[in-house]
Amino acid sequence: MNRKNLQKQAETLSKVEKHFNKSEIESLMKLFQALVGGGSGKLSRNGLDRNKFRNILHNTFGMTDDMIMDRVFRAFDKDNDSNISVTEWVQGLSVFLRGTLEERIKYCFNVFDLNGDGYISREEMFHMLKNSLVKQPTDEDPDEGVKDLVEITLKKMDIDHDGKLSFEDFEKAVHEESLLLEAFGPCLPDIKNIMAFERQAFADVNEV
């Protein structure tokens, strides 16, 4: 993608994208191009596939949970074509790095709603919590501990007591206790990784 096209696309994106300015969007697009590894003109057709994206989540943002990384990929890949386009990359990072609480609540809920039915069920909580807990060799049946944790979480977050979490339940619970935002696994980067990523990604912007 030549500089003119890049600037044009950055201009378009900057009109709808409120968390990054035009220069930052250009920098993210250049980074995307480098990560995809396509030559000029290939950018529009190719995107970041699941493996490349997971490498970024792992190496740059310190994520280790396979299930969560897959779900983050799906949250970025809005059109479900198994590739993250440059637009999806910029818009995804916008929430991932700088999202408002409301945007992050929506994003985390989508990550945790494994089957996309609009609810986080007991089974989904069990899967995610089982993945994120460290296995203790002394535990008789680690599954029992996970089940207990699911019940405790439901008691705290299931506002309408229907045995599953709707978006409204999740939103209300997080507003009351912000630590519950990532109750089922770390799907957002911590501040240290955000700062390191932005420092590197926007190095040329900051020099100006």
C-alpha atoms as a PDB file:
ATOM      1  CA  MET A   1       0.000   0.000   0.000  1.00  0.00           C
ATOM      2  CA  ASN A   2       1.547   3.257  -1.031  1.00  0.00           C
ATOM      3  CA  ARG A   3       1.699   6.308   1.176  1.00  0.00           C
ATOM      4  CA  LYS A   4      -1.188   8.051  -0.568  1.00  0.00           C
ATOM      5  CA  ASN A   5      -3.545   5.094  -0.144  1.00  0.00           C
ATOM      6  CA  LEU A   6      -2.424   4.687   3.439  1.00  0.00           C
ATOM      7  CA  GLN A   7      -3.175   8.320   4.239  1.00  0.00           C
ATOM      8  CA  LYS A   8      -6.528   8.115   2.488  1.00  0.00           C
ATOM      9  CA  GLN A   9      -7.593   5.038   4.436  1.00  0.00           C
ATOM     10  CA  ALA A  10      -6.288   6.548   7.682  1.00  0.00           C
ATOM     11  CA  GLU A  11      -8.317   9.673   6.956  1.00  0.00           C
ATOM     12  CA  THR A  12     -11.491   7.618   6.483  1.00  0.00           C
ATOM     13  CA  LEU A  13     -10.873   5.598   9.641  1.00  0.00           C
ATOM     14  CA  SER A  14     -10.070   8.664  11.721  1.00  0.00           C
ATOM     15  CA  LYS A  15     -13.567  10.001  11.032  1.00  0.00           C
ATOM     16  CA  VAL A  16     -15.210   7.035  12.762  1.00  0.00           C
ATOM     17  CA  GLU A  17     -12.457   6.140  15.205  1.00  0.00           C
ATOM     18  CA  LYS A  18     -12.499   8.307  18.315  1.00  0.00           C
ATOM     19  CA  HIS A  19      -9.653   6.817  20.379  1.00  0.00           C
ATOM     20  CA  PHE A  20      -6.815   7.281  17.865  1.00  0.00           C
ATOM     21  CA  ASN A  21      -5.847  10.344  15.864  1.00  0.00           C
ATOM     22  CA  LYS A  22      -4.964  10.162  12.151  1.00  0.00           C
ATOM     23  CA  SER A  23      -1.192   9.862  12.734  1.00  0.00           C
ATOM     24  CA  GLU A  24      -1.708   7.043  15.223  1.00  0.00           C
ATOM     25  CA  ILE A  25      -4.002   5.233  12.786  1.00  0.00           C
ATOM     26  CA  GLU A  26      -1.324   5.537  10.070  1.00  0.00           C
ATOM     27  CA  SER A  27       1.233   4.048  12.456  1.00  0.00           C
ATOM     28  CA  LEU A  28      -1.094   1.145  13.314  1.00  0.00           C
ATOM     29  CA  MET A  29      -1.699   0.526   9.608  1.00  0.00           C
ATOM     30  CA  LYS A  30       2.047   0.433   8.912  1.00  0.00           C
ATOM     31  CA  LEU A  31       2.535  -1.958  11.802  1.00  0.00           C
ATOM     32  CA  PHE A  32      -0.275  -4.119  10.437  1.00  0.00           C
ATOM     33  CA  GLN A  33       1.411  -4.189   7.033  1.00  0.00           C
ATOM     34  CA  ALA A  34       4.692  -5.272   8.616  1.00  0.00           C
ATOM     35  CA  LEU A  35       2.936  -8.006  10.630  1.00  0.00           C
ATOM     36  CA  VAL A  36       0.995  -9.334   7.639  1.00  0.00           C
ATOM     37  CA  GLY A  37       4.227  -9.286   5.654  1.00  0.00           C
ATOM     38  CA  GLY A  38       2.487  -8.508   2.356  1.00  0.00           C
ATOM     39  CA  GLY A  39       4.139  -6.434  -0.321  1.00  0.00           C
ATOM     40  CA  SER A  40       2.589  -3.220  -1.595  1.00  0.00           C
ATOM     41  CA  GLY A  41      -1.021  -3.545  -2.651  1.00  0.00           C
ATOM     42  CA  LYS A  42      -1.538  -6.828  -0.809  1.00  0.00           C
ATOM     43  CA  LEU A  43      -2.924  -5.195   2.286  1.00  0.00           C
ATOM     44  CA  SER A  44      -6.546  -5.015   1.234  1.00  0.00           C
ATOM     45  CA  ARG A  45      -6.789  -8.713   0.370  1.00  0.00           C
ATOM     46  CA  ASN A  46      -4.705 -10.247   3.098  1.00  0.00           C
ATOM     47  CA  GLY A  47      -5.182  -9.975   6.810  1.00  0.00           C
ATOM     48  CA  LEU A  48      -3.801 -11.333  10.036  1.00  0.00           C
ATOM     49  CA  ASP A  49      -4.699 -14.983  10.388  1.00  0.00           C
ATOM     50  CA  ARG A  50      -5.416 -16.658  13.722  1.00  0.00           C
ATOM     51  CA  ASN A  51      -1.834 -17.855  14.309  1.00  0.00           C
ATOM     52  CA  LYS A  52      -0.173 -14.517  13.590  1.00  0.00           C
ATOM     53  CA  PHE A  53      -2.694 -12.736  15.761  1.00  0.00           C
ATOM     54  CA  ARG A  54      -2.262 -15.207  18.622  1.00  0.00           C
ATOM     55  CA  ASN A  55       1.495 -14.684  18.444  1.00  0.00           C
ATOM     56  CA  ILE A  56       0.930 -10.943  18.891  1.00  0.00           C
ATOM     57  CA  LEU A  57      -1.403 -11.533  21.855  1.00  0.00           C
ATOM     58  CA  HIS A  58       1.109 -13.894  23.419  1.00  0.00           C
ATOM     59  CA  ASN A  59       4.392 -12.090  22.709  1.00  0.00           C
ATOM     60  CA  THR A  60       3.216  -8.474  22.977  1.00  0.00           C
ATOM     61  CA  PHE A  61       0.400  -8.648  25.511  1.00  0.00           C
ATOM     62  CA  GLY A  62       1.466 -11.657  27.581  1.00  0.00           C
ATOM     63  CA  MET A  63      -1.678 -13.728  27.010  1.00  0.00           C
ATOM     64  CA  THR A  64      -1.345 -17.464  27.566  1.00  0.00           C
ATOM     65  CA  ASP A  65      -4.855 -18.919  27.681  1.00  0.00           C
ATOM     66  CA  ASP A  66      -5.612 -20.604  24.333  1.00  0.00           C
ATOM     67  CA  MET A  67      -9.374 -20.360  24.686  1.00  0.00           C
ATOM     68  CA  ILE A  68      -9.275 -16.658  25.586  1.00  0.00           C
ATOM     69  CA  MET A  69      -6.845 -15.879  22.731  1.00  0.00           C
ATOM     70  CA  ASP A  70      -9.205 -17.587  20.284  1.00  0.00           C
ATOM     71  CA  ARG A  71     -12.117 -15.588  21.623  1.00  0.00           C
ATOM     72  CA  VAL A  72     -10.168 -12.305  21.368  1.00  0.00           C
ATOM     73  CA  PHE A  73      -9.414 -13.189  17.740  1.00  0.00           C
ATOM     74  CA  ARG A  74     -13.148 -13.642  17.123  1.00  0.00           C
ATOM     75  CA  ALA A  75     -13.927 -10.340  18.856  1.00  0.00           C
ATOM     76  CA  PHE A  76     -11.529  -8.553  16.456  1.00  0.00           C
ATOM     77  CA  ASP A  77     -12.683 -10.543  13.408  1.00  0.00           C
ATOM     78  CA  LYS A  78     -16.083  -8.856  13.094  1.00  0.00           C
ATOM     79  CA  ASP A  79     -17.006 -10.357   9.707  1.00  0.00           C
ATOM     80  CA  ASN A  80     -15.951 -13.909  10.707  1.00  0.00           C
ATOM     81  CA  ASP A  81     -13.786 -14.481   7.635  1.00  0.00           C
ATOM     82  CA  SER A  82     -10.913 -15.939   9.744  1.00  0.00           C
ATOM     83  CA  ASN A  83      -8.708 -12.950   8.930  1.00  0.00           C
ATOM     84  CA  ILE A  84      -8.346  -9.627  10.671  1.00  0.00           C
ATOM     85  CA  SER A  85      -8.461  -6.810   8.132  1.00  0.00           C
ATOM     86  CA  VAL A  86      -6.675  -3.505   8.634  1.00  0.00           C
ATOM     87  CA  THR A  87      -9.973  -1.839   9.623  1.00  0.00           C
ATOM     88  CA  GLU A  88     -10.759  -4.611  12.132  1.00  0.00           C
ATOM     89  CA  TRP A  89      -7.211  -4.278  13.480  1.00  0.00           C
ATOM     90  CA  VAL A  90      -7.526  -0.528  14.135  1.00  0.00           C
ATOM     91  CA  GLN A  91     -11.070  -0.749  15.507  1.00  0.00           C
ATOM     92  CA  GLY A  92     -10.243  -3.768  17.663  1.00  0.00           C
ATOM     93  CA  LEU A  93      -7.136  -2.124  19.129  1.00  0.00           C
ATOM     94  CA  SER A  94      -9.157   1.000  19.835  1.00  0.00           C
ATOM     95  CA  VAL A  95     -11.272  -0.852  22.421  1.00  0.00           C
ATOM     96  CA  PHE A  96      -8.461  -3.227  23.429  1.00  0.00           C
ATOM     97  CA  LEU A  97      -6.031  -0.413  24.299  1.00  0.00           C
ATOM     98  CA  ARG A  98      -8.163   2.646  25.019  1.00  0.00           C
ATOM     99  CA  GLY A  99     -11.803   1.585  25.242  1.00  0.00           C
ATOM    100  CA  THR A 100     -14.217   3.266  27.619  1.00  0.00           C
ATOM    101  CA  LEU A 101     -15.599   1.101  30.435  1.00  0.00           C
ATOM    102  CA  GLU A 102     -18.813   0.578  28.431  1.00  0.00           C
ATOM    103  CA  GLU A 103     -16.854  -0.540  25.350  1.00  0.00           C
ATOM    104  CA  ARG A 104     -14.726  -2.895  27.416  1.00  0.00           C
ATOM    105  CA  ILE A 105     -17.783  -4.381  29.151  1.00  0.00           C
ATOM    106  CA  LYS A 106     -19.306  -5.128  25.728  1.00  0.00           C
ATOM    107  CA  TYR A 107     -16.011  -6.544  24.433  1.00  0.00           C
ATOM    108  CA  CYS A 108     -15.410  -8.788  27.488  1.00  0.00           C
ATOM    109  CA  PHE A 109     -18.987 -10.059  27.419  1.00  0.00           C
ATOM    110  CA  ASN A 110     -18.579 -11.039  23.747  1.00  0.00           C
ATOM    111  CA  VAL A 111     -15.306 -12.815  24.542  1.00  0.00           C
ATOM    112  CA  PHE A 112     -16.921 -14.776  27.401  1.00  0.00           C
ATOM    113  CA  ASP A 113     -20.168 -15.606  25.549  1.00  0.00           C
ATOM    114  CA  LEU A 114     -18.585 -18.641  23.888  1.00  0.00           C
ATOM    115  CA  ASN A 115     -21.522 -19.719  21.724  1.00  0.00           C
ATOM    116  CA  GLY A 116     -22.739 -16.194  20.927  1.00  0.00           C
ATOM    117  CA  ASP A 117     -26.278 -16.691  22.267  1.00  0.00           C
ATOM    118  CA  GLY A 118     -26.276 -13.500  24.341  1.00  0.00           C
ATOM    119  CA  TYR A 119     -25.743 -15.254  27.674  1.00  0.00           C
ATOM    120  CA  ILE A 120     -22.784 -16.591  29.651  1.00  0.00           C
ATOM    121  CA  SER A 121     -24.038 -19.976  30.839  1.00  0.00           C
ATOM    122  CA  ARG A 122     -22.855 -22.161  33.742  1.00  0.00           C
ATOM    123  CA  GLU A 123     -21.113 -24.450  31.224  1.00  0.00           C
ATOM    124  CA  GLU A 124     -19.262 -21.531  29.596  1.00  0.00           C
ATOM    125  CA  MET A 125     -18.137 -20.226  32.996  1.00  0.00           C
ATOM    126  CA  PHE A 126     -16.995 -23.717  33.944  1.00  0.00           C
ATOM    127  CA  HIS A 127     -14.899 -24.070  30.751  1.00  0.00           C
ATOM    128  CA  MET A 128     -13.230 -20.690  31.152  1.00  0.00           C
ATOM    129  CA  LEU A 129     -12.588 -20.916  34.885  1.00  0.00           C
ATOM    130  CA  LYS A 130     -11.272 -24.463  34.554  1.00  0.00           C
ATOM    131  CA  ASN A 131      -8.809 -23.214  31.945  1.00  0.00           C
ATOM    132  CA  SER A 132      -7.616 -20.273  34.001  1.00  0.00           C
ATOM    133  CA  LEU A 133      -7.143 -22.042  37.337  1.00  0.00           C
ATOM    134  CA  VAL A 134      -3.777 -23.518  38.227  1.00  0.00           C
ATOM    135  CA  LYS A 135      -4.035 -27.270  38.691  1.00  0.00           C
ATOM    136  CA  GLN A 136      -3.108 -28.327  42.224  1.00  0.00           C
ATOM    137  CA  PRO A 137      -1.785 -31.904  42.449  1.00  0.00           C
ATOM    138  CA  THR A 138      -3.326 -32.317  45.920  1.00  0.00           C
ATOM    139  CA  ASP A 139      -6.885 -31.622  44.793  1.00  0.00           C
ATOM    140  CA  GLU A 140      -9.120 -34.692  44.883  1.00  0.00           C
ATOM    141  CA  ASP A 141     -11.372 -33.393  42.147  1.00  0.00           C
ATOM    142  CA  PRO A 142     -10.389 -29.988  40.770  1.00  0.00           C
ATOM    143  CA  ASP A 143     -13.718 -29.840  38.909  1.00  0.00           C
ATOM    144  CA  GLU A 144     -15.541 -29.534  42.235  1.00  0.00           C
ATOM    145  CA  GLY A 145     -13.539 -26.404  43.072  1.00  0.00           C
ATOM    146  CA  VAL A 146     -14.385 -24.925  39.674  1.00  0.00           C
ATOM    147  CA  LYS A 147     -18.088 -25.717  40.180  1.00  0.00           C
ATOM    148  CA  ASP A 148     -17.994 -23.940  43.536  1.00  0.00           C
ATOM    149  CA  LEU A 149     -16.361 -20.948  41.884  1.00  0.00           C
ATOM    150  CA  VAL A 150     -19.082 -20.877  39.198  1.00  0.00           C
ATOM    151  CA  GLU A 151     -21.773 -20.837  41.902  1.00  0.00           C
ATOM    152  CA  ILE A 152     -20.010 -18.047  43.840  1.00  0.00           C
ATOM    153  CA  THR A 153     -19.672 -16.024  40.618  1.00  0.00           C
ATOM    154  CA  LEU A 154     -23.330 -16.551  39.717  1.00  0.00           C
ATOM    155  CA  LYS A 155     -24.408 -15.493  43.195  1.00  0.00           C
ATOM    156  CA  LYS A 156     -22.443 -12.274  42.778  1.00  0.00           C
ATOM    157  CA  MET A 157     -23.272 -11.459  39.159  1.00  0.00           C
ATOM    158  CA  ASP A 158     -26.607 -13.101  38.244  1.00  0.00           C
ATOM    159  CA  ILE A 159     -28.831 -10.145  39.144  1.00  0.00           C
ATOM    160  CA  ASP A 160     -32.114 -11.646  37.884  1.00  0.00           C
ATOM    161  CA  HIS A 161     -31.350 -15.146  39.308  1.00  0.00           C
ATOM    162  CA  ASP A 162     -32.056 -17.097  36.120  1.00  0.00           C
ATOM    163  CA  GLY A 163     -28.900 -19.216  36.386  1.00  0.00           C
ATOM    164  CA  LYS A 164     -27.004 -17.481  33.573  1.00  0.00           C
ATOM    165  CA  LEU A 165     -25.532 -14.054  32.888  1.00  0.00           C
ATOM    166  CA  SER A 166     -27.205 -11.738  30.437  1.00  0.00           C
ATOM    167  CA  PHE A 167     -25.377  -8.654  29.181  1.00  0.00           C
ATOM    168  CA  GLU A 168     -27.446  -6.562  31.627  1.00  0.00           C
ATOM    169  CA  ASP A 169     -26.362  -8.776  34.572  1.00  0.00           C
ATOM    170  CA  PHE A 170     -22.731  -8.553  33.516  1.00  0.00           C
ATOM    171  CA  GLU A 171     -22.840  -4.791  32.964  1.00  0.00           C
ATOM    172  CA  LYS A 172     -24.496  -4.103  36.330  1.00  0.00           C
ATOM    173  CA  ALA A 173     -22.091  -6.379  38.222  1.00  0.00           C
ATOM    174  CA  VAL A 174     -19.020  -4.744  36.620  1.00  0.00           C
ATOM    175  CA  HIS A 175     -20.338  -1.255  37.413  1.00  0.00           C
ATOM    176  CA  GLU A 176     -20.623  -2.315  41.054  1.00  0.00           C
ATOM    177  CA  GLU A 177     -17.265  -4.102  41.124  1.00  0.00           C
ATOM    178  CA  SER A 178     -14.858  -3.286  38.276  1.00  0.00           C
ATOM    179  CA  LEU A 179     -12.607  -6.297  39.012  1.00  0.00           C
ATOM    180  CA  LEU A 180     -15.390  -8.527  37.664  1.00  0.00           C
ATOM    181  CA  LEU A 181     -14.714  -7.205  34.136  1.00  0.00           C
ATOM    182  CA  GLU A 182     -12.268 -10.071  33.562  1.00  0.00           C
ATOM    183  CA  ALA A 183     -13.947 -12.561  35.900  1.00  0.00           C
ATOM    184  CA  PHE A 184     -13.524 -15.469  33.461  1.00  0.00           C
ATOM    185  CA  GLY A 185     -10.018 -14.832  32.169  1.00  0.00           C
ATOM    186  CA  PRO A 186      -7.602 -12.045  31.221  1.00  0.00           C
ATOM    187  CA  CYS A 187      -8.839 -10.820  27.828  1.00  0.00           C
ATOM    188  CA  LEU A 188      -7.552  -7.247  28.080  1.00  0.00           C
ATOM    189  CA  PRO A 189      -3.896  -6.176  28.218  1.00  0.00           C
ATOM    190  CA  ASP A 190      -2.503  -4.724  31.439  1.00  0.00           C
ATOM    191  CA  ILE A 191      -1.354  -1.119  31.570  1.00  0.00           C
ATOM    192  CA  LYS A 192       2.347  -2.035  31.337  1.00  0.00           C
ATOM    193  CA  ASN A 193       1.846  -3.948  28.081  1.00  0.00           C
ATOM    194  CA  ILE A 194      -0.398  -1.224  26.676  1.00  0.00           C
ATOM    195  CA  MET A 195       2.232   1.429  27.344  1.00  0.00           C
ATOM    196  CA  ALA A 196       5.016  -0.693  25.867  1.00  0.00           C
ATOM    197  CA  PHE A 197       2.962  -1.430  22.739  1.00  0.00           C
ATOM    198  CA  GLU A 198       1.943   2.209  22.239  1.00  0.00           C
ATOM    199  CA  ARG A 199       5.485   3.453  22.794  1.00  0.00           C
ATOM    200  CA  GLN A 200       6.716   1.143  20.058  1.00  0.00           C
ATOM    201  CA  ALA A 201       3.749   1.528  17.668  1.00  0.00           C
ATOM    202  CA  PHE A 202       3.593   5.313  17.901  1.00  0.00           C
ATOM    203  CA  ALA A 203       7.336   6.014  18.105  1.00  0.00           C
ATOM    204  CA  ASP A 204       7.333   8.016  14.875  1.00  0.00           C
ATOM    205  CA  VAL A 205       4.219   9.962  15.930  1.00  0.00           C
ATOM    206  CA  ASN A 206       5.791  10.935  19.241  1.00  0.00           C
ATOM    207  CA  GLU A 207       8.954  12.186  17.544  1.00  0.00           C
ATOM    208  CA  VAL A 208       7.063  14.762  15.519  1.00  0.00           C
END
